[in-house]
N, C-alpha and C. Protein backbone atom coordinates (compact mmCIF):
# COMPACT_ATOMS: atom_id res chain seq x y z
N MET A 1 1.26 -4.71 -25.85
CA MET A 1 1.54 -4.37 -24.47
C MET A 1 3.06 -4.36 -24.28
N HIS A 2 3.57 -3.28 -23.75
CA HIS A 2 5.01 -3.14 -23.53
C HIS A 2 5.44 -3.91 -22.28
N ARG A 3 6.53 -4.60 -22.37
CA ARG A 3 7.09 -5.33 -21.23
C ARG A 3 8.43 -4.70 -20.85
N TYR A 4 8.75 -4.75 -19.57
CA TYR A 4 9.98 -4.17 -19.05
C TYR A 4 10.85 -5.27 -18.47
N GLY A 5 12.15 -5.22 -18.78
CA GLY A 5 13.10 -6.18 -18.24
C GLY A 5 13.58 -5.75 -16.86
N VAL A 6 14.39 -6.58 -16.24
CA VAL A 6 14.91 -6.29 -14.90
C VAL A 6 15.76 -5.02 -14.92
N ARG A 7 16.58 -4.85 -15.96
CA ARG A 7 17.40 -3.62 -16.05
C ARG A 7 16.53 -2.38 -16.13
N ASP A 8 15.42 -2.48 -16.88
CA ASP A 8 14.50 -1.34 -16.98
C ASP A 8 13.93 -0.99 -15.60
N VAL A 9 13.55 -2.02 -14.86
CA VAL A 9 12.99 -1.80 -13.52
C VAL A 9 14.04 -1.19 -12.60
N GLU A 10 15.26 -1.67 -12.68
CA GLU A 10 16.35 -1.12 -11.86
C GLU A 10 16.56 0.36 -12.17
N LYS A 11 16.54 0.72 -13.46
CA LYS A 11 16.74 2.11 -13.86
C LYS A 11 15.56 3.01 -13.47
N LEU A 12 14.35 2.53 -13.75
CA LEU A 12 13.16 3.34 -13.51
C LEU A 12 12.87 3.55 -12.02
N LEU A 13 13.02 2.48 -11.24
CA LEU A 13 12.58 2.53 -9.85
C LEU A 13 13.73 2.56 -8.84
N HIS A 14 14.95 2.42 -9.33
CA HIS A 14 16.13 2.42 -8.44
C HIS A 14 16.02 1.33 -7.37
N LEU A 15 15.52 0.17 -7.79
CA LEU A 15 15.43 -0.97 -6.89
C LEU A 15 16.58 -1.93 -7.20
N PRO A 16 17.28 -2.40 -6.17
CA PRO A 16 18.34 -3.38 -6.44
C PRO A 16 17.74 -4.71 -6.89
N ARG A 17 18.53 -5.44 -7.64
CA ARG A 17 18.10 -6.74 -8.18
C ARG A 17 17.69 -7.70 -7.07
N SER A 18 18.39 -7.64 -5.93
CA SER A 18 18.05 -8.54 -4.81
C SER A 18 16.65 -8.25 -4.27
N THR A 19 16.27 -6.99 -4.21
CA THR A 19 14.93 -6.62 -3.76
C THR A 19 13.88 -7.09 -4.76
N ILE A 20 14.18 -6.93 -6.04
CA ILE A 20 13.24 -7.38 -7.07
C ILE A 20 13.02 -8.89 -6.95
N ARG A 21 14.11 -9.65 -6.77
CA ARG A 21 14.00 -11.11 -6.61
C ARG A 21 13.17 -11.47 -5.38
N ALA A 22 13.42 -10.77 -4.27
CA ALA A 22 12.69 -11.06 -3.03
C ALA A 22 11.19 -10.76 -3.20
N LEU A 23 10.86 -9.70 -3.91
CA LEU A 23 9.45 -9.35 -4.11
C LEU A 23 8.76 -10.34 -5.04
N ILE A 24 9.49 -10.87 -6.00
CA ILE A 24 8.92 -11.91 -6.87
C ILE A 24 8.68 -13.17 -6.04
N ALA A 25 9.67 -13.55 -5.23
CA ALA A 25 9.54 -14.75 -4.39
C ALA A 25 8.39 -14.62 -3.40
N ALA A 26 8.13 -13.40 -2.90
CA ALA A 26 7.06 -13.18 -1.93
C ALA A 26 5.68 -13.11 -2.60
N GLY A 27 5.65 -13.08 -3.93
CA GLY A 27 4.37 -13.01 -4.63
C GLY A 27 3.87 -11.59 -4.82
N PHE A 28 4.74 -10.62 -4.58
CA PHE A 28 4.36 -9.21 -4.75
C PHE A 28 4.03 -8.95 -6.22
N VAL A 29 4.84 -9.49 -7.12
CA VAL A 29 4.59 -9.42 -8.55
C VAL A 29 4.84 -10.79 -9.16
N SER A 30 4.21 -11.03 -10.29
CA SER A 30 4.39 -12.30 -11.01
C SER A 30 4.72 -11.98 -12.46
N PRO A 31 5.97 -11.65 -12.73
CA PRO A 31 6.33 -11.28 -14.11
C PRO A 31 6.27 -12.50 -15.04
N ALA A 32 6.06 -12.21 -16.30
CA ALA A 32 6.07 -13.26 -17.32
C ALA A 32 7.52 -13.62 -17.62
N ARG A 33 7.69 -14.74 -18.27
CA ARG A 33 9.03 -15.16 -18.69
C ARG A 33 9.19 -14.92 -20.18
N GLY A 34 10.32 -14.36 -20.55
CA GLY A 34 10.61 -14.08 -21.96
C GLY A 34 11.68 -15.01 -22.48
N PRO A 35 12.36 -14.57 -23.53
CA PRO A 35 13.45 -15.38 -24.07
C PRO A 35 14.52 -15.63 -23.01
N ARG A 36 15.07 -16.82 -23.02
CA ARG A 36 16.10 -17.24 -22.07
C ARG A 36 15.63 -17.10 -20.62
N SER A 37 14.33 -17.25 -20.40
CA SER A 37 13.71 -17.20 -19.06
C SER A 37 13.90 -15.86 -18.34
N ALA A 38 14.09 -14.80 -19.11
CA ALA A 38 14.23 -13.47 -18.51
C ALA A 38 12.87 -12.99 -18.01
N TRP A 39 12.87 -12.30 -16.88
CA TRP A 39 11.62 -11.76 -16.36
C TRP A 39 11.19 -10.57 -17.19
N LEU A 40 9.89 -10.53 -17.47
CA LEU A 40 9.30 -9.41 -18.20
C LEU A 40 8.15 -8.86 -17.38
N PHE A 41 8.25 -7.59 -16.99
CA PHE A 41 7.28 -6.96 -16.11
C PHE A 41 6.29 -6.14 -16.92
N SER A 42 5.02 -6.18 -16.51
CA SER A 42 3.99 -5.36 -17.13
C SER A 42 3.97 -3.99 -16.45
N PHE A 43 3.21 -3.07 -17.02
CA PHE A 43 3.08 -1.75 -16.40
C PHE A 43 2.44 -1.88 -15.02
N GLN A 44 1.48 -2.80 -14.87
CA GLN A 44 0.84 -3.04 -13.57
C GLN A 44 1.88 -3.53 -12.56
N ASP A 45 2.82 -4.38 -12.98
CA ASP A 45 3.90 -4.82 -12.11
C ASP A 45 4.75 -3.63 -11.65
N LEU A 46 5.01 -2.69 -12.57
CA LEU A 46 5.81 -1.51 -12.21
C LEU A 46 5.11 -0.67 -11.14
N ILE A 47 3.79 -0.58 -11.23
CA ILE A 47 3.04 0.17 -10.21
C ILE A 47 3.21 -0.48 -8.85
N VAL A 48 3.11 -1.80 -8.81
CA VAL A 48 3.25 -2.52 -7.54
C VAL A 48 4.69 -2.40 -7.02
N LEU A 49 5.66 -2.51 -7.90
CA LEU A 49 7.07 -2.36 -7.49
C LEU A 49 7.36 -0.94 -7.01
N ARG A 50 6.70 0.04 -7.60
CA ARG A 50 6.87 1.41 -7.14
C ARG A 50 6.34 1.57 -5.72
N THR A 51 5.28 0.86 -5.39
CA THR A 51 4.76 0.85 -4.03
C THR A 51 5.80 0.27 -3.08
N ALA A 52 6.45 -0.81 -3.51
CA ALA A 52 7.50 -1.42 -2.69
C ALA A 52 8.66 -0.44 -2.49
N GLN A 53 8.98 0.31 -3.54
CA GLN A 53 10.04 1.31 -3.43
C GLN A 53 9.65 2.40 -2.43
N ALA A 54 8.39 2.83 -2.46
CA ALA A 54 7.91 3.85 -1.52
C ALA A 54 7.99 3.34 -0.09
N LEU A 55 7.68 2.07 0.12
CA LEU A 55 7.78 1.48 1.46
C LEU A 55 9.24 1.45 1.92
N ALA A 56 10.14 1.09 1.02
CA ALA A 56 11.56 1.07 1.36
C ALA A 56 12.07 2.48 1.65
N ASP A 57 11.61 3.46 0.87
CA ASP A 57 12.00 4.85 1.10
C ASP A 57 11.49 5.36 2.44
N ALA A 58 10.38 4.79 2.92
CA ALA A 58 9.80 5.18 4.22
C ALA A 58 10.48 4.42 5.37
N LYS A 59 11.59 3.76 5.06
CA LYS A 59 12.42 3.05 6.06
C LYS A 59 11.74 1.81 6.64
N VAL A 60 10.83 1.20 5.86
CA VAL A 60 10.27 -0.08 6.27
C VAL A 60 11.30 -1.14 5.87
N PRO A 61 11.74 -1.98 6.80
CA PRO A 61 12.74 -2.99 6.47
C PRO A 61 12.25 -3.95 5.38
N GLN A 62 13.18 -4.37 4.51
CA GLN A 62 12.83 -5.27 3.40
C GLN A 62 12.19 -6.55 3.90
N ARG A 63 12.66 -7.07 5.00
CA ARG A 63 12.10 -8.31 5.56
C ARG A 63 10.63 -8.10 5.93
N ARG A 64 10.30 -6.94 6.51
CA ARG A 64 8.91 -6.67 6.88
C ARG A 64 8.05 -6.48 5.64
N ILE A 65 8.60 -5.84 4.61
CA ILE A 65 7.84 -5.66 3.37
C ILE A 65 7.48 -7.01 2.77
N THR A 66 8.47 -7.89 2.64
CA THR A 66 8.21 -9.19 2.03
C THR A 66 7.27 -10.04 2.89
N LYS A 67 7.44 -9.99 4.21
CA LYS A 67 6.54 -10.75 5.10
C LYS A 67 5.11 -10.23 4.99
N SER A 68 4.95 -8.91 4.99
CA SER A 68 3.62 -8.31 4.89
C SER A 68 2.95 -8.66 3.58
N VAL A 69 3.72 -8.60 2.50
CA VAL A 69 3.15 -8.90 1.19
C VAL A 69 2.79 -10.38 1.10
N ARG A 70 3.60 -11.24 1.66
CA ARG A 70 3.31 -12.67 1.65
C ARG A 70 2.00 -12.94 2.39
N GLU A 71 1.82 -12.32 3.56
CA GLU A 71 0.58 -12.50 4.32
C GLU A 71 -0.61 -11.91 3.58
N LEU A 72 -0.40 -10.75 2.99
CA LEU A 72 -1.47 -10.09 2.24
C LEU A 72 -1.89 -10.95 1.05
N ARG A 73 -0.93 -11.46 0.32
CA ARG A 73 -1.21 -12.31 -0.84
C ARG A 73 -1.93 -13.59 -0.42
N ARG A 74 -1.59 -14.11 0.76
CA ARG A 74 -2.20 -15.34 1.26
C ARG A 74 -3.69 -15.16 1.55
N HIS A 75 -4.08 -13.96 1.98
CA HIS A 75 -5.46 -13.71 2.37
C HIS A 75 -6.32 -13.12 1.25
N LEU A 76 -5.71 -12.74 0.15
CA LEU A 76 -6.47 -12.16 -0.96
C LEU A 76 -6.76 -13.22 -2.01
N PRO A 77 -7.85 -13.05 -2.76
CA PRO A 77 -8.10 -13.97 -3.87
C PRO A 77 -6.98 -13.85 -4.91
N ASP A 78 -6.64 -14.95 -5.56
CA ASP A 78 -5.55 -14.95 -6.53
C ASP A 78 -5.81 -13.98 -7.67
N ALA A 79 -7.06 -13.79 -8.03
CA ALA A 79 -7.40 -12.92 -9.15
C ALA A 79 -7.26 -11.43 -8.81
N MET A 80 -7.19 -11.11 -7.53
CA MET A 80 -7.12 -9.69 -7.13
C MET A 80 -5.68 -9.19 -7.20
N PRO A 81 -5.41 -8.20 -8.05
CA PRO A 81 -4.05 -7.69 -8.15
C PRO A 81 -3.72 -6.75 -6.99
N LEU A 82 -2.48 -6.76 -6.56
CA LEU A 82 -2.06 -5.87 -5.48
C LEU A 82 -2.07 -4.42 -5.92
N SER A 83 -2.02 -4.18 -7.23
CA SER A 83 -2.04 -2.79 -7.72
C SER A 83 -3.39 -2.14 -7.46
N GLY A 84 -4.41 -2.93 -7.16
CA GLY A 84 -5.74 -2.38 -6.87
C GLY A 84 -5.89 -1.94 -5.43
N LEU A 85 -4.89 -2.19 -4.60
CA LEU A 85 -4.93 -1.81 -3.19
C LEU A 85 -4.13 -0.55 -2.94
N SER A 86 -4.52 0.18 -1.94
CA SER A 86 -3.75 1.34 -1.51
C SER A 86 -2.86 0.91 -0.35
N ILE A 87 -1.58 0.74 -0.63
CA ILE A 87 -0.62 0.25 0.36
C ILE A 87 0.34 1.38 0.68
N CYS A 88 0.56 1.61 1.99
CA CYS A 88 1.46 2.68 2.40
C CYS A 88 2.18 2.28 3.68
N ALA A 89 3.05 3.14 4.14
CA ALA A 89 3.79 2.90 5.38
C ALA A 89 3.26 3.82 6.47
N VAL A 90 3.06 3.26 7.65
CA VAL A 90 2.75 4.04 8.84
C VAL A 90 3.80 3.62 9.86
N ALA A 91 4.66 4.56 10.21
CA ALA A 91 5.85 4.27 11.00
C ALA A 91 6.66 3.23 10.23
N ASP A 92 6.92 2.08 10.81
CA ASP A 92 7.67 1.06 10.07
C ASP A 92 6.79 -0.14 9.73
N ARG A 93 5.48 0.09 9.61
CA ARG A 93 4.53 -0.97 9.29
C ARG A 93 3.95 -0.77 7.89
N VAL A 94 3.60 -1.87 7.25
CA VAL A 94 2.93 -1.85 5.95
C VAL A 94 1.44 -1.85 6.22
N VAL A 95 0.75 -0.83 5.72
CA VAL A 95 -0.67 -0.62 6.01
C VAL A 95 -1.46 -0.57 4.70
N VAL A 96 -2.63 -1.18 4.72
CA VAL A 96 -3.54 -1.17 3.58
C VAL A 96 -4.70 -0.24 3.92
N LYS A 97 -4.98 0.70 3.02
CA LYS A 97 -6.13 1.58 3.18
C LYS A 97 -7.27 0.98 2.36
N GLU A 98 -8.39 0.78 3.04
CA GLU A 98 -9.55 0.17 2.38
C GLU A 98 -10.79 0.91 2.83
N GLY A 99 -11.41 1.61 1.91
CA GLY A 99 -12.58 2.40 2.28
C GLY A 99 -12.19 3.44 3.31
N GLY A 100 -12.89 3.47 4.44
CA GLY A 100 -12.58 4.42 5.50
C GLY A 100 -11.64 3.86 6.55
N GLY A 101 -11.22 2.62 6.40
CA GLY A 101 -10.38 1.99 7.42
C GLY A 101 -8.97 1.70 6.92
N ARG A 102 -8.11 1.43 7.89
CA ARG A 102 -6.73 1.04 7.59
C ARG A 102 -6.39 -0.17 8.44
N TRP A 103 -5.62 -1.10 7.88
CA TRP A 103 -5.23 -2.28 8.62
C TRP A 103 -3.82 -2.71 8.21
N GLN A 104 -3.15 -3.38 9.16
CA GLN A 104 -1.79 -3.84 8.94
C GLN A 104 -1.80 -5.04 8.02
N ALA A 105 -0.93 -5.03 7.02
CA ALA A 105 -0.91 -6.10 6.03
C ALA A 105 -0.43 -7.42 6.62
N ASP A 106 0.50 -7.37 7.57
CA ASP A 106 1.07 -8.63 8.08
C ASP A 106 0.19 -9.31 9.12
N SER A 107 -0.57 -8.54 9.89
CA SER A 107 -1.37 -9.14 10.96
C SER A 107 -2.88 -9.04 10.73
N GLY A 108 -3.31 -8.15 9.84
CA GLY A 108 -4.73 -7.95 9.61
C GLY A 108 -5.39 -7.07 10.66
N GLN A 109 -4.60 -6.56 11.61
CA GLN A 109 -5.14 -5.74 12.69
C GLN A 109 -5.53 -4.36 12.17
N TYR A 110 -6.76 -3.95 12.51
CA TYR A 110 -7.22 -2.63 12.10
C TYR A 110 -6.57 -1.55 12.96
N LEU A 111 -6.36 -0.38 12.37
CA LEU A 111 -5.73 0.73 13.06
C LEU A 111 -6.76 1.82 13.34
N LEU A 112 -6.64 2.42 14.50
CA LEU A 112 -7.51 3.54 14.84
C LEU A 112 -6.93 4.82 14.24
N GLU A 113 -7.82 5.71 13.85
CA GLU A 113 -7.37 7.00 13.34
C GLU A 113 -7.48 8.02 14.45
N PHE A 114 -6.38 8.71 14.70
CA PHE A 114 -6.34 9.74 15.74
C PHE A 114 -6.15 11.10 15.11
N GLU A 115 -6.66 12.09 15.77
CA GLU A 115 -6.50 13.46 15.32
C GLU A 115 -5.88 14.25 16.46
N GLY A 116 -5.00 15.14 16.12
CA GLY A 116 -4.36 15.96 17.15
C GLY A 116 -2.89 15.64 17.25
N ASP A 117 -2.25 16.29 18.20
CA ASP A 117 -0.82 16.09 18.42
C ASP A 117 -0.60 15.61 19.84
N PRO A 118 -0.14 14.35 20.00
CA PRO A 118 0.06 13.83 21.35
C PRO A 118 1.07 14.64 22.15
N ALA A 119 2.01 15.30 21.47
CA ALA A 119 3.00 16.11 22.17
C ALA A 119 2.35 17.29 22.87
N ASP A 120 1.26 17.79 22.30
CA ASP A 120 0.54 18.91 22.91
C ASP A 120 -0.44 18.45 23.98
N GLY A 121 -0.64 17.15 24.10
CA GLY A 121 -1.59 16.63 25.06
C GLY A 121 -3.00 16.57 24.51
N SER A 122 -3.16 16.89 23.21
CA SER A 122 -4.50 16.82 22.61
C SER A 122 -4.55 15.66 21.63
N LEU A 123 -5.44 14.75 21.89
CA LEU A 123 -5.59 13.59 21.03
C LEU A 123 -7.03 13.12 21.13
N SER A 124 -7.64 12.87 19.99
CA SER A 124 -9.01 12.38 20.00
C SER A 124 -9.19 11.33 18.91
N VAL A 125 -10.06 10.38 19.15
CA VAL A 125 -10.36 9.35 18.16
C VAL A 125 -11.40 9.91 17.21
N ILE A 126 -11.16 9.71 15.93
CA ILE A 126 -12.12 10.16 14.93
C ILE A 126 -13.12 9.04 14.71
N GLU A 127 -14.36 9.30 15.04
CA GLU A 127 -15.40 8.31 14.82
C GLU A 127 -16.11 8.64 13.53
N ARG A 128 -16.22 7.67 12.68
CA ARG A 128 -16.89 7.88 11.41
C ARG A 128 -18.30 7.30 11.48
N ASN A 129 -19.26 8.13 11.13
CA ASN A 129 -20.64 7.68 11.05
C ASN A 129 -21.06 7.86 9.60
N THR A 130 -20.78 6.86 8.79
CA THR A 130 -21.00 6.98 7.35
C THR A 130 -22.47 7.17 6.99
N ALA A 131 -23.38 6.57 7.75
CA ALA A 131 -24.80 6.73 7.43
C ALA A 131 -25.22 8.18 7.62
N ALA A 132 -24.76 8.80 8.73
CA ALA A 132 -25.10 10.20 8.98
C ALA A 132 -24.40 11.11 7.97
N GLU A 133 -23.15 10.78 7.61
CA GLU A 133 -22.42 11.60 6.65
C GLU A 133 -23.08 11.56 5.28
N ALA A 134 -23.64 10.42 4.91
CA ALA A 134 -24.29 10.28 3.61
C ALA A 134 -25.54 11.16 3.53
N ARG A 135 -26.22 11.36 4.67
CA ARG A 135 -27.44 12.18 4.68
C ARG A 135 -27.14 13.67 4.81
N THR A 136 -25.90 14.03 5.10
CA THR A 136 -25.55 15.44 5.28
C THR A 136 -25.43 16.11 3.93
N SER A 137 -26.11 17.26 3.78
CA SER A 137 -26.08 17.98 2.51
C SER A 137 -24.87 18.92 2.47
N ALA A 138 -24.59 19.43 1.28
CA ALA A 138 -23.45 20.33 1.09
C ALA A 138 -23.57 21.59 1.96
N PRO A 139 -24.74 22.24 2.05
CA PRO A 139 -24.83 23.42 2.92
C PRO A 139 -24.58 23.09 4.40
N GLU A 140 -25.02 21.90 4.83
CA GLU A 140 -24.76 21.49 6.21
C GLU A 140 -23.28 21.29 6.45
N TRP A 141 -22.56 20.70 5.47
CA TRP A 141 -21.11 20.54 5.59
C TRP A 141 -20.44 21.91 5.66
N PHE A 142 -20.92 22.85 4.86
CA PHE A 142 -20.36 24.19 4.87
C PHE A 142 -20.54 24.85 6.23
N ASP A 143 -21.73 24.71 6.80
CA ASP A 143 -22.00 25.29 8.12
C ASP A 143 -21.09 24.67 9.17
N LYS A 144 -20.88 23.36 9.09
CA LYS A 144 -19.98 22.69 10.04
C LYS A 144 -18.54 23.22 9.90
N ALA A 145 -18.12 23.41 8.66
CA ALA A 145 -16.76 23.91 8.41
C ALA A 145 -16.60 25.32 8.95
N VAL A 146 -17.60 26.16 8.75
CA VAL A 146 -17.55 27.53 9.25
C VAL A 146 -17.49 27.53 10.79
N ALA A 147 -18.25 26.63 11.40
CA ALA A 147 -18.26 26.55 12.86
C ALA A 147 -16.91 26.13 13.40
N LEU A 148 -16.20 25.29 12.69
CA LEU A 148 -14.86 24.86 13.14
C LEU A 148 -13.88 25.99 13.02
């Protein structure tokens, strides 16, 4: 298994060393220790750090990223890796996508999904009826699409 040092992470992901340290302290990643106590990151760690980079690129403040990850880590089982979650930014919030729902990582509050453009005055809540969707056949979906 290939391990990556801090310099490798800085080069690959363009993350400053201070951000990497903060994410380790928040429990975002748990790198192994190598010779002279150097951090060694796995490929799974790189995936999680890339998520952190995407959040930073979306203008989510570093303090909010670390706070959200700390809260998320606190509520998840220790064995569950963060790389198994779909984490993204919505506005300046860290959001976890899980199944058909989305919730804020720092507060656990679920988010409603809206369709439309509020600027145009058209906005509607998308209600998901998974039981009915599961019974809908492909030709019925096609007919619905044609009707739209």
